[in-house]
Every structure is written in structure tokens, then in C-alpha cells.
Amino acid sequence: MLEALLVMAFGAVLLGAALGYAAVRFRVEGDPLVEKIDAILPQTQCGQCGFPGCKPYAGAIAKGEADINQCPPGGDEGVRKLADLLGREFKPLSAEHGIEKPKSVAIIDENACIGCTLCIQACPVDAIVGAAKQMHTVIAAQCTGCELCVAPCPVDCIYMEPIKETVDTWKWKYPVIEIKRAA
């Protein structure tokens, strides 16, 4: 019995060491440029750019496979930030990929919802909760306004509500420059 436990413990230590070595030896570093580009993108995961999410689009921009003006939710402000980061010329938003709209959040008319779960399946950020044949609702703080839940709804009970500009939702359009005073 004791011998079996020692053999198992030795095997576990040996496998743990091998996994630790493999994790260090074969570690893949992320591209810092992709991370910077992804940080600028709005994280709506809407796919309007032609890519399945913001991270794949950022990777394509970094590789030169996609243009910087394909993100309607990011708008002209996002294109400007990407142009500044990459040292490229500003281009207006590509009409082929959509138009810039005000930031919005999905709202479900809970009285009309039939609980089909199609909206839950379509939501890329899991902002919709509910169960089959039960009413669904949107967690507004998690909703990115991508509109992907609207089309699959068979009873048209989902609509987009523009987010009103308040102190909490308002953002500076241009970066704030700090002025340091001499001591």
C-alpha cells in the first residue's frame, strides 16, 4: 500500500515537472502591437468589421491584412486613435462595413418574449439571461450594443435604446494632456 502511494506520488511529481518545463519552454508571447490595437477597439464583438471579434480584427490590422477604418462602433474617433498609434493616415469610416451609430443597449420587451433563447445564443458577451420558455432580460452593464440579438428574435421583442449621455457615460473625445509644472 505504501509502495503504491510512493509510486503515485513520484509519478505526479515527475508529470508536474514535465508540464512546468513545457509551459516555460513552449510559452507563446502575445504581440504587444495587437494588444495596443485591441485596447483601442470598442470590444463590442459585433463582427461588423468582417472578423469574429475585436481581437481577431486587431491581429489582422497588425499583420496588414485589414484596414483601420472597418469598425463602425469605434467610429471616426477609433479610426483616428488607430491611425495615431500605427503612424498611418486617417481614413473615414468604411461605409461597406456600416455606419457609426450612437452607443446603445438592447432592451427586451419581457411581456412579448417567448423564451426561445435565440438571443442568448447570438449574444457574444453573454449579456442576456433567461431560460428556455421563460422570459429573458438584458444585463445593461454588460451589453455592448452590437445588435446581434435583434435579428434572430422571432417575435421582434428586442430593440436598441440609445444610451443617454450622463456624467458616467460621457467620455473625452480627445486625450487629456497633463501639464507638469516645474517645482
N, C-alpha and C. Protein backbone atom coordinates (compact mmCIF):
# COMPACT_ATOMS: atom_id res chain seq x y z
N MET A 1 0.83 -1.19 0.00
CA MET A 1 0.00 0.00 0.00
C MET A 1 0.87 1.26 0.00
N LEU A 2 1.87 1.30 0.86
CA LEU A 2 2.76 2.45 0.95
C LEU A 2 3.58 2.58 -0.33
N GLU A 3 4.00 1.45 -0.88
CA GLU A 3 4.78 1.48 -2.11
C GLU A 3 3.96 2.05 -3.26
N ALA A 4 2.69 1.71 -3.32
CA ALA A 4 1.81 2.21 -4.37
C ALA A 4 1.64 3.72 -4.25
N LEU A 5 1.48 4.20 -3.03
CA LEU A 5 1.37 5.65 -2.81
C LEU A 5 2.65 6.37 -3.21
N LEU A 6 3.80 5.78 -2.89
CA LEU A 6 5.07 6.41 -3.25
C LEU A 6 5.25 6.45 -4.77
N VAL A 7 4.88 5.37 -5.45
CA VAL A 7 4.96 5.34 -6.91
C VAL A 7 4.04 6.39 -7.51
N MET A 8 2.81 6.51 -6.99
CA MET A 8 1.87 7.53 -7.49
C MET A 8 2.40 8.94 -7.23
N ALA A 9 2.96 9.18 -6.05
CA ALA A 9 3.49 10.50 -5.72
C ALA A 9 4.67 10.83 -6.62
N PHE A 10 5.56 9.85 -6.84
CA PHE A 10 6.70 10.07 -7.73
C PHE A 10 6.23 10.38 -9.15
N GLY A 11 5.23 9.64 -9.62
CA GLY A 11 4.68 9.88 -10.96
C GLY A 11 4.06 11.27 -11.08
N ALA A 12 3.36 11.70 -10.03
CA ALA A 12 2.75 13.04 -10.04
C ALA A 12 3.80 14.13 -10.06
N VAL A 13 4.86 13.96 -9.28
CA VAL A 13 5.95 14.95 -9.26
C VAL A 13 6.63 14.99 -10.62
N LEU A 14 6.87 13.84 -11.20
CA LEU A 14 7.53 13.75 -12.50
C LEU A 14 6.68 14.42 -13.59
N LEU A 15 5.39 14.12 -13.62
CA LEU A 15 4.49 14.75 -14.61
C LEU A 15 4.37 16.25 -14.37
N GLY A 16 4.29 16.67 -13.11
CA GLY A 16 4.22 18.10 -12.79
C GLY A 16 5.46 18.84 -13.27
N ALA A 17 6.63 18.23 -13.07
CA ALA A 17 7.88 18.85 -13.52
C ALA A 17 7.90 18.94 -15.05
N ALA A 18 7.44 17.88 -15.72
CA ALA A 18 7.41 17.89 -17.18
C ALA A 18 6.46 18.98 -17.70
N LEU A 19 5.30 19.11 -17.09
CA LEU A 19 4.36 20.15 -17.50
C LEU A 19 4.92 21.54 -17.23
N GLY A 20 5.56 21.73 -16.09
CA GLY A 20 6.18 23.02 -15.77
C GLY A 20 7.25 23.39 -16.78
N TYR A 21 8.10 22.41 -17.14
CA TYR A 21 9.14 22.65 -18.13
C TYR A 21 8.52 23.02 -19.48
N ALA A 22 7.49 22.27 -19.89
CA ALA A 22 6.85 22.52 -21.17
C ALA A 22 6.20 23.90 -21.20
N ALA A 23 5.61 24.32 -20.09
CA ALA A 23 4.98 25.65 -20.02
C ALA A 23 6.01 26.76 -20.21
N VAL A 24 7.19 26.58 -19.63
CA VAL A 24 8.24 27.60 -19.77
C VAL A 24 8.88 27.52 -21.16
N ARG A 25 9.18 26.33 -21.61
CA ARG A 25 9.89 26.13 -22.87
C ARG A 25 9.06 26.53 -24.09
N PHE A 26 7.78 26.24 -24.08
CA PHE A 26 6.94 26.46 -25.25
C PHE A 26 5.97 27.63 -25.09
N ARG A 27 6.26 28.53 -24.16
CA ARG A 27 5.39 29.68 -23.93
C ARG A 27 5.34 30.56 -25.18
N VAL A 28 4.12 31.01 -25.51
CA VAL A 28 3.92 31.87 -26.66
C VAL A 28 3.63 33.28 -26.15
N GLU A 29 4.46 34.21 -26.56
CA GLU A 29 4.26 35.60 -26.17
C GLU A 29 3.23 36.25 -27.08
N GLY A 30 2.36 37.06 -26.52
CA GLY A 30 1.41 37.81 -27.34
C GLY A 30 2.10 38.98 -28.00
N ASP A 31 1.57 39.41 -29.11
CA ASP A 31 2.12 40.54 -29.84
C ASP A 31 1.68 41.82 -29.13
N PRO A 32 2.62 42.64 -28.63
CA PRO A 32 2.23 43.86 -27.92
C PRO A 32 1.46 44.85 -28.80
N LEU A 33 1.73 44.85 -30.11
CA LEU A 33 1.00 45.74 -31.00
C LEU A 33 -0.46 45.32 -31.09
N VAL A 34 -0.71 44.02 -31.17
CA VAL A 34 -2.09 43.52 -31.21
C VAL A 34 -2.82 43.93 -29.93
N GLU A 35 -2.15 43.85 -28.79
CA GLU A 35 -2.76 44.23 -27.51
C GLU A 35 -3.11 45.72 -27.49
N LYS A 36 -2.24 46.57 -28.02
CA LYS A 36 -2.50 48.01 -28.06
C LYS A 36 -3.67 48.33 -29.00
N ILE A 37 -3.70 47.67 -30.14
CA ILE A 37 -4.79 47.89 -31.09
C ILE A 37 -6.10 47.42 -30.48
N ASP A 38 -6.08 46.24 -29.85
CA ASP A 38 -7.28 45.68 -29.23
C ASP A 38 -7.80 46.60 -28.11
N ALA A 39 -6.91 47.26 -27.40
CA ALA A 39 -7.31 48.17 -26.34
C ALA A 39 -8.06 49.39 -26.89
N ILE A 40 -7.76 49.78 -28.12
CA ILE A 40 -8.44 50.92 -28.74
C ILE A 40 -9.83 50.53 -29.25
N LEU A 41 -9.97 49.30 -29.72
CA LEU A 41 -11.25 48.85 -30.28
C LEU A 41 -12.32 48.80 -29.19
N PRO A 42 -13.60 48.98 -29.56
CA PRO A 42 -14.67 49.14 -28.56
C PRO A 42 -15.11 47.87 -27.83
N GLN A 43 -14.59 46.71 -28.22
CA GLN A 43 -14.92 45.44 -27.56
C GLN A 43 -16.40 45.08 -27.65
N THR A 44 -17.04 45.44 -28.76
CA THR A 44 -18.45 45.06 -28.94
C THR A 44 -18.57 43.63 -29.45
N GLN A 45 -17.51 43.08 -30.06
CA GLN A 45 -17.51 41.72 -30.60
C GLN A 45 -18.64 41.53 -31.62
N CYS A 46 -18.97 42.59 -32.36
CA CYS A 46 -20.15 42.58 -33.23
C CYS A 46 -19.91 41.94 -34.58
N GLY A 47 -18.68 41.87 -35.05
CA GLY A 47 -18.39 41.27 -36.34
C GLY A 47 -18.65 42.15 -37.53
N GLN A 48 -19.00 43.42 -37.34
CA GLN A 48 -19.28 44.30 -38.47
C GLN A 48 -18.03 44.56 -39.30
N CYS A 49 -16.87 44.38 -38.71
CA CYS A 49 -15.60 44.61 -39.41
C CYS A 49 -15.26 43.46 -40.36
N GLY A 50 -16.00 42.36 -40.25
CA GLY A 50 -15.72 41.20 -41.08
C GLY A 50 -14.93 40.13 -40.34
N PHE A 51 -14.63 40.36 -39.08
CA PHE A 51 -13.90 39.41 -38.25
C PHE A 51 -14.79 39.00 -37.09
N PRO A 52 -14.57 37.82 -36.49
CA PRO A 52 -15.48 37.33 -35.45
C PRO A 52 -15.43 38.11 -34.13
N GLY A 53 -14.51 39.01 -33.97
CA GLY A 53 -14.44 39.79 -32.74
C GLY A 53 -13.34 40.84 -32.85
N CYS A 54 -13.17 41.60 -31.78
CA CYS A 54 -12.19 42.69 -31.80
C CYS A 54 -10.75 42.18 -31.82
N LYS A 55 -10.45 41.12 -31.09
CA LYS A 55 -9.08 40.59 -31.05
C LYS A 55 -8.63 40.07 -32.42
N PRO A 56 -9.43 39.28 -33.14
CA PRO A 56 -9.00 38.87 -34.48
C PRO A 56 -8.84 40.05 -35.45
N TYR A 57 -9.69 41.06 -35.31
CA TYR A 57 -9.56 42.25 -36.15
C TYR A 57 -8.26 42.98 -35.81
N ALA A 58 -7.93 43.08 -34.53
CA ALA A 58 -6.68 43.72 -34.12
C ALA A 58 -5.48 42.97 -34.69
N GLY A 59 -5.53 41.64 -34.68
CA GLY A 59 -4.45 40.84 -35.25
C GLY A 59 -4.31 41.08 -36.75
N ALA A 60 -5.44 41.19 -37.44
CA ALA A 60 -5.40 41.43 -38.88
C ALA A 60 -4.85 42.82 -39.19
N ILE A 61 -5.19 43.81 -38.38
CA ILE A 61 -4.63 45.16 -38.59
C ILE A 61 -3.12 45.12 -38.39
N ALA A 62 -2.68 44.46 -37.33
CA ALA A 62 -1.24 44.40 -37.03
C ALA A 62 -0.47 43.70 -38.15
N LYS A 63 -1.06 42.69 -38.79
CA LYS A 63 -0.41 41.97 -39.88
C LYS A 63 -0.54 42.69 -41.22
N GLY A 64 -1.35 43.76 -41.26
CA GLY A 64 -1.57 44.47 -42.51
C GLY A 64 -2.62 43.82 -43.40
N GLU A 65 -3.41 42.91 -42.85
CA GLU A 65 -4.43 42.20 -43.62
C GLU A 65 -5.78 42.92 -43.61
N ALA A 66 -5.95 43.90 -42.74
CA ALA A 66 -7.21 44.65 -42.65
C ALA A 66 -6.89 46.13 -42.50
N ASP A 67 -7.83 46.94 -42.95
CA ASP A 67 -7.66 48.38 -42.85
C ASP A 67 -8.13 48.87 -41.48
N ILE A 68 -7.74 50.06 -41.10
CA ILE A 68 -8.06 50.59 -39.76
C ILE A 68 -9.46 51.20 -39.69
N ASN A 69 -10.17 51.30 -40.80
CA ASN A 69 -11.46 52.00 -40.82
C ASN A 69 -12.66 51.07 -40.99
N GLN A 70 -12.58 49.85 -40.46
CA GLN A 70 -13.65 48.87 -40.65
C GLN A 70 -14.53 48.69 -39.43
N CYS A 71 -14.40 49.51 -38.37
CA CYS A 71 -15.13 49.30 -37.12
C CYS A 71 -16.16 50.41 -36.90
N PRO A 72 -17.42 50.19 -37.31
CA PRO A 72 -18.45 51.20 -37.09
C PRO A 72 -18.67 51.57 -35.62
N PRO A 73 -18.68 50.62 -34.67
CA PRO A 73 -18.87 51.03 -33.28
C PRO A 73 -17.74 51.93 -32.75
N GLY A 74 -16.53 51.75 -33.28
CA GLY A 74 -15.42 52.61 -32.86
C GLY A 74 -15.50 53.99 -33.47
N GLY A 75 -16.15 54.08 -34.63
CA GLY A 75 -16.37 55.36 -35.29
C GLY A 75 -15.09 56.04 -35.75
N ASP A 76 -15.25 57.28 -36.14
CA ASP A 76 -14.10 58.07 -36.60
C ASP A 76 -13.08 58.27 -35.49
N GLU A 77 -13.55 58.35 -34.25
CA GLU A 77 -12.64 58.51 -33.11
C GLU A 77 -11.70 57.31 -33.00
N GLY A 78 -12.26 56.11 -33.16
CA GLY A 78 -11.44 54.90 -33.11
C GLY A 78 -10.45 54.84 -34.26
N VAL A 79 -10.89 55.22 -35.45
CA VAL A 79 -10.01 55.23 -36.62
C VAL A 79 -8.87 56.22 -36.39
N ARG A 80 -9.19 57.38 -35.81
CA ARG A 80 -8.17 58.38 -35.52
C ARG A 80 -7.12 57.85 -34.54
N LYS A 81 -7.60 57.18 -33.49
CA LYS A 81 -6.67 56.61 -32.49
C LYS A 81 -5.79 55.53 -33.11
N LEU A 82 -6.39 54.68 -33.96
CA LEU A 82 -5.59 53.64 -34.62
C LEU A 82 -4.57 54.26 -35.57
N ALA A 83 -4.96 55.30 -36.30
CA ALA A 83 -4.04 55.97 -37.22
C ALA A 83 -2.87 56.58 -36.44
N ASP A 84 -3.16 57.19 -35.30
CA ASP A 84 -2.10 57.77 -34.47
C ASP A 84 -1.16 56.69 -33.95
N LEU A 85 -1.72 55.59 -33.47
CA LEU A 85 -0.90 54.50 -32.93
C LEU A 85 0.01 53.90 -33.99
N LEU A 86 -0.54 53.69 -35.18
CA LEU A 86 0.19 52.99 -36.22
C LEU A 86 0.96 53.92 -37.16
N GLY A 87 0.82 55.23 -36.97
CA GLY A 87 1.52 56.18 -37.83
C GLY A 87 0.98 56.17 -39.25
N ARG A 88 -0.31 55.91 -39.39
CA ARG A 88 -0.94 55.89 -40.71
C ARG A 88 -1.80 57.13 -40.90
N GLU A 89 -2.18 57.34 -42.13
CA GLU A 89 -3.07 58.45 -42.48
C GLU A 89 -4.50 58.11 -42.05
N PHE A 90 -5.22 59.09 -41.53
CA PHE A 90 -6.63 58.90 -41.14
C PHE A 90 -7.47 58.64 -42.39
N LYS A 91 -8.37 57.68 -42.29
CA LYS A 91 -9.32 57.39 -43.36
C LYS A 91 -10.72 57.46 -42.77
N PRO A 92 -11.68 57.98 -43.50
CA PRO A 92 -13.05 57.97 -42.98
C PRO A 92 -13.55 56.53 -42.84
N LEU A 93 -14.53 56.35 -42.00
CA LEU A 93 -15.10 55.04 -41.74
C LEU A 93 -15.62 54.42 -43.03
N SER A 94 -15.32 53.15 -43.23
CA SER A 94 -15.73 52.43 -44.44
C SER A 94 -17.24 52.19 -44.42
N ALA A 95 -17.95 52.74 -45.39
CA ALA A 95 -19.41 52.56 -45.48
C ALA A 95 -19.77 51.11 -45.78
N GLU A 96 -18.85 50.37 -46.35
CA GLU A 96 -19.08 48.96 -46.66
C GLU A 96 -19.34 48.14 -45.39
N HIS A 97 -18.76 48.55 -44.27
CA HIS A 97 -18.88 47.81 -43.02
C HIS A 97 -19.97 48.36 -42.10
N GLY A 98 -20.58 49.45 -42.46
CA GLY A 98 -21.65 50.03 -41.65
C GLY A 98 -21.41 51.50 -41.36
N ILE A 99 -22.34 52.09 -40.65
CA ILE A 99 -22.23 53.50 -40.29
C ILE A 99 -22.12 53.63 -38.78
N GLU A 100 -21.54 54.73 -38.36
CA GLU A 100 -21.42 54.99 -36.93
C GLU A 100 -22.79 55.35 -36.36
N LYS A 101 -23.15 54.71 -35.26
CA LYS A 101 -24.43 54.97 -34.60
C LYS A 101 -24.15 55.38 -33.17
N PRO A 102 -25.12 56.02 -32.52
CA PRO A 102 -24.91 56.34 -31.11
C PRO A 102 -24.81 55.05 -30.28
N LYS A 103 -24.06 55.09 -29.21
CA LYS A 103 -23.95 53.93 -28.32
C LYS A 103 -25.34 53.57 -27.81
N SER A 104 -25.64 52.28 -27.81
CA SER A 104 -26.97 51.85 -27.40
C SER A 104 -26.89 50.54 -26.62
N VAL A 105 -28.01 50.18 -26.02
CA VAL A 105 -28.12 48.95 -25.25
C VAL A 105 -29.40 48.24 -25.68
N ALA A 106 -29.35 46.90 -25.70
CA ALA A 106 -30.53 46.13 -26.09
C ALA A 106 -31.55 46.12 -24.95
N ILE A 107 -32.81 46.22 -25.32
CA ILE A 107 -33.92 46.14 -24.36
C ILE A 107 -34.86 45.06 -24.86
N ILE A 108 -35.29 44.18 -23.96
CA ILE A 108 -36.23 43.12 -24.33
C ILE A 108 -37.59 43.46 -23.74
N ASP A 109 -38.62 43.47 -24.58
CA ASP A 109 -40.00 43.63 -24.10
C ASP A 109 -40.36 42.29 -23.44
N GLU A 110 -40.25 42.25 -22.15
CA GLU A 110 -40.40 41.00 -21.41
C GLU A 110 -41.80 40.41 -21.51
N ASN A 111 -42.79 41.24 -21.79
CA ASN A 111 -44.15 40.71 -21.94
C ASN A 111 -44.32 39.97 -23.27
N ALA A 112 -43.53 40.34 -24.27
CA ALA A 112 -43.65 39.70 -25.58
C ALA A 112 -42.67 38.55 -25.76
N CYS A 113 -41.67 38.44 -24.90
CA CYS A 113 -40.64 37.41 -25.02
C CYS A 113 -41.25 36.02 -24.83
N ILE A 114 -40.92 35.11 -25.76
CA ILE A 114 -41.45 33.74 -25.68
C ILE A 114 -40.42 32.75 -25.12
N GLY A 115 -39.22 33.22 -24.81
CA GLY A 115 -38.21 32.35 -24.22
C GLY A 115 -37.57 31.38 -25.19
N CYS A 116 -37.36 31.80 -26.43
CA CYS A 116 -36.82 30.90 -27.44
C CYS A 116 -35.31 30.67 -27.30
N THR A 117 -34.62 31.52 -26.60
CA THR A 117 -33.16 31.50 -26.34
C THR A 117 -32.31 31.85 -27.56
N LEU A 118 -32.89 32.26 -28.69
CA LEU A 118 -32.10 32.62 -29.86
C LEU A 118 -31.24 33.85 -29.60
N CYS A 119 -31.76 34.78 -28.81
CA CYS A 119 -30.99 35.99 -28.48
C CYS A 119 -29.80 35.65 -27.58
N ILE A 120 -30.00 34.70 -26.67
CA ILE A 120 -28.92 34.29 -25.77
C ILE A 120 -27.79 33.67 -26.59
N GLN A 121 -28.15 32.85 -27.56
CA GLN A 121 -27.16 32.19 -28.41
C GLN A 121 -26.41 33.20 -29.28
N ALA A 122 -27.07 34.27 -29.67
CA ALA A 122 -26.46 35.26 -30.56
C ALA A 122 -25.57 36.26 -29.81
N CYS A 123 -25.79 36.44 -28.52
CA CYS A 123 -25.06 37.46 -27.76
C CYS A 123 -23.60 37.04 -27.55
N PRO A 124 -22.64 37.83 -28.09
CA PRO A 124 -21.23 37.44 -27.97
C PRO A 124 -20.63 37.72 -26.59
N VAL A 125 -21.32 38.46 -25.75
CA VAL A 125 -20.76 38.82 -24.44
C VAL A 125 -21.60 38.31 -23.28
N ASP A 126 -22.54 37.42 -23.54
CA ASP A 126 -23.40 36.82 -22.50
C ASP A 126 -24.10 37.87 -21.65
N ALA A 127 -24.65 38.88 -22.30
CA ALA A 127 -25.35 39.95 -21.58
C ALA A 127 -26.85 39.66 -21.43
N ILE A 128 -27.32 38.56 -21.99
CA ILE A 128 -28.74 38.22 -21.91
C ILE A 128 -28.89 36.98 -21.04
N VAL A 129 -29.81 37.06 -20.08
CA VAL A 129 -30.05 35.92 -19.19
C VAL A 129 -31.51 35.49 -19.30
N GLY A 130 -31.74 34.22 -19.06
CA GLY A 130 -33.08 33.65 -19.12
C GLY A 130 -32.98 32.17 -19.38
N ALA A 131 -34.09 31.51 -19.38
CA ALA A 131 -34.13 30.07 -19.62
C ALA A 131 -35.12 29.77 -20.72
N ALA A 132 -35.05 28.57 -21.27
CA ALA A 132 -35.96 28.17 -22.33
C ALA A 132 -37.40 28.28 -21.85
N LYS A 133 -38.22 28.86 -22.69
CA LYS A 133 -39.65 29.07 -22.43
C LYS A 133 -39.91 29.96 -21.22
N GLN A 134 -38.91 30.75 -20.86
CA GLN A 134 -39.04 31.73 -19.79
C GLN A 134 -38.64 33.09 -20.35
N MET A 135 -39.07 34.13 -19.70
CA MET A 135 -38.75 35.48 -20.13
C MET A 135 -37.24 35.74 -20.00
N HIS A 136 -36.68 36.51 -20.94
CA HIS A 136 -35.27 36.87 -20.92
C HIS A 136 -35.13 38.34 -20.58
N THR A 137 -33.94 38.72 -20.13
CA THR A 137 -33.65 40.12 -19.86
C THR A 137 -32.19 40.40 -20.19
N VAL A 138 -31.88 41.67 -20.38
CA VAL A 138 -30.54 42.10 -20.74
C VAL A 138 -29.87 42.71 -19.52
N ILE A 139 -28.63 42.32 -19.26
CA ILE A 139 -27.83 42.96 -18.23
C ILE A 139 -27.19 44.17 -18.90
N ALA A 140 -27.75 45.33 -18.66
CA ALA A 140 -27.35 46.54 -19.39
C ALA A 140 -25.87 46.87 -19.22
N ALA A 141 -25.31 46.61 -18.05
CA ALA A 141 -23.90 46.93 -17.82
C ALA A 141 -22.97 46.08 -18.68
N GLN A 142 -23.42 44.90 -19.11
CA GLN A 142 -22.59 44.03 -19.94
C GLN A 142 -22.89 44.16 -21.43
N CYS A 143 -24.02 44.72 -21.79
CA CYS A 143 -24.41 44.84 -23.19
C CYS A 143 -23.50 45.83 -23.91
N THR A 144 -22.98 45.41 -25.07
CA THR A 144 -22.09 46.27 -25.84
C THR A 144 -22.81 46.99 -26.97
N GLY A 145 -24.10 46.71 -27.17
CA GLY A 145 -24.86 47.37 -28.22
C GLY A 145 -24.55 46.88 -29.60
N CYS A 146 -24.12 45.63 -29.74
CA CYS A 146 -23.70 45.09 -31.04
C CYS A 146 -24.88 44.79 -31.97
N GLU A 147 -26.08 44.71 -31.46
CA GLU A 147 -27.31 44.46 -32.22
C GLU A 147 -27.42 43.03 -32.77
N LEU A 148 -26.55 42.12 -32.38
CA LEU A 148 -26.61 40.75 -32.90
C LEU A 148 -27.80 39.97 -32.37
N CYS A 149 -28.41 40.42 -31.30
CA CYS A 149 -29.57 39.72 -30.73
C CYS A 149 -30.88 40.12 -31.41
N VAL A 150 -30.90 41.23 -32.12
CA VAL A 150 -32.14 41.75 -32.68
C VAL A 150 -32.67 40.87 -33.83
N ALA A 151 -31.82 40.54 -34.78
CA ALA A 151 -32.26 39.80 -35.96
C ALA A 151 -32.81 38.39 -35.67
N PRO A 152 -32.21 37.61 -34.77
CA PRO A 152 -32.73 36.25 -34.57
C PRO A 152 -34.04 36.18 -33.79
N CYS A 153 -34.48 37.25 -33.18
CA CYS A 153 -35.70 37.22 -32.36
C CYS A 153 -36.93 37.02 -33.26
N PRO A 154 -37.66 35.90 -33.10
CA PRO A 154 -38.80 35.62 -33.97
C PRO A 154 -40.03 36.48 -33.69
N VAL A 155 -40.09 37.12 -32.52
CA VAL A 155 -41.27 37.93 -32.19
C VAL A 155 -40.95 39.42 -32.13
N ASP A 156 -39.76 39.81 -32.56
CA ASP A 156 -39.34 41.22 -32.59
C ASP A 156 -39.57 41.94 -31.27
N CYS A 157 -39.16 41.30 -30.18
CA CYS A 157 -39.35 41.93 -28.86
C CYS A 157 -38.08 42.60 -28.36
N ILE A 158 -37.03 42.66 -29.20
CA ILE A 158 -35.77 43.29 -28.80
C ILE A 158 -35.58 44.56 -29.62
N TYR A 159 -35.28 45.64 -28.95
CA TYR A 159 -34.98 46.89 -29.65
C TYR A 159 -33.77 47.54 -28.98
N MET A 160 -33.15 48.44 -29.71
CA MET A 160 -31.95 49.12 -29.22
C MET A 160 -32.33 50.49 -28.70
N GLU A 161 -31.91 50.78 -27.49
CA GLU A 161 -32.18 52.07 -26.85
C GLU A 161 -30.86 52.84 -26.76
N PRO A 162 -30.79 54.02 -27.38
CA PRO A 162 -29.56 54.81 -27.27
C PRO A 162 -29.27 55.16 -25.80
N ILE A 163 -28.00 55.11 -25.46
CA ILE A 163 -27.59 55.43 -24.09
C ILE A 163 -27.53 56.95 -23.97
N LYS A 164 -28.26 57.45 -23.00
CA LYS A 164 -28.26 58.90 -22.77
C LYS A 164 -26.91 59.33 -22.21
N GLU A 165 -26.46 60.49 -22.66
CA GLU A 165 -25.17 60.98 -22.21
C GLU A 165 -25.31 61.57 -20.80
N THR A 166 -24.62 60.94 -19.87
CA THR A 166 -24.59 61.41 -18.49
C THR A 166 -23.13 61.55 -18.08
N VAL A 167 -22.91 61.97 -16.85
CA VAL A 167 -21.54 62.10 -16.36
C VAL A 167 -20.84 60.74 -16.40
N ASP A 168 -21.57 59.66 -16.12
CA ASP A 168 -20.96 58.33 -16.10
C ASP A 168 -20.67 57.79 -17.50
N THR A 169 -21.47 58.14 -18.51
CA THR A 169 -21.29 57.58 -19.85
C THR A 169 -20.52 58.51 -20.79
N TRP A 170 -20.33 59.76 -20.43
CA TRP A 170 -19.63 60.71 -21.29
C TRP A 170 -18.13 60.46 -21.23
N LYS A 171 -17.47 60.56 -22.37
CA LYS A 171 -16.02 60.36 -22.45
C LYS A 171 -15.41 61.52 -23.21
N TRP A 172 -14.15 61.82 -22.88
CA TRP A 172 -13.41 62.83 -23.64
C TRP A 172 -13.20 62.31 -25.04
N LYS A 173 -13.40 63.16 -26.03
CA LYS A 173 -13.19 62.75 -27.41
C LYS A 173 -11.70 62.74 -27.77
N TYR A 174 -10.93 63.55 -27.08
CA TYR A 174 -9.51 63.62 -27.35
C TYR A 174 -8.77 63.39 -26.04
N PRO A 175 -7.55 62.83 -26.11
CA PRO A 175 -6.83 62.55 -24.88
C PRO A 175 -6.53 63.81 -24.10
N VAL A 176 -6.59 63.70 -22.78
CA VAL A 176 -6.27 64.82 -21.92
C VAL A 176 -4.77 64.91 -21.78
N ILE A 177 -4.22 66.07 -21.99
CA ILE A 177 -2.77 66.27 -21.88
C ILE A 177 -2.48 66.88 -20.51
N GLU A 178 -1.65 66.19 -19.76
CA GLU A 178 -1.29 66.69 -18.44
C GLU A 178 -0.13 67.68 -18.58
N ILE A 179 -0.24 68.78 -17.91
CA ILE A 179 0.82 69.77 -17.92
C ILE A 179 1.52 69.69 -16.58
N LYS A 180 2.81 69.40 -16.62
CA LYS A 180 3.59 69.28 -15.38
C LYS A 180 4.25 70.63 -15.11
N ARG A 181 4.08 71.07 -13.90
CA ARG A 181 4.68 72.34 -13.52
C ARG A 181 6.06 72.10 -12.90
N ALA A 182 6.93 73.03 -13.14
CA ALA A 182 8.28 72.94 -12.54
C ALA A 182 8.15 73.21 -11.05
N ALA A 183 8.88 72.47 -10.26
CA ALA A 183 8.80 72.60 -8.79
C ALA A 183 9.54 73.78 -8.27
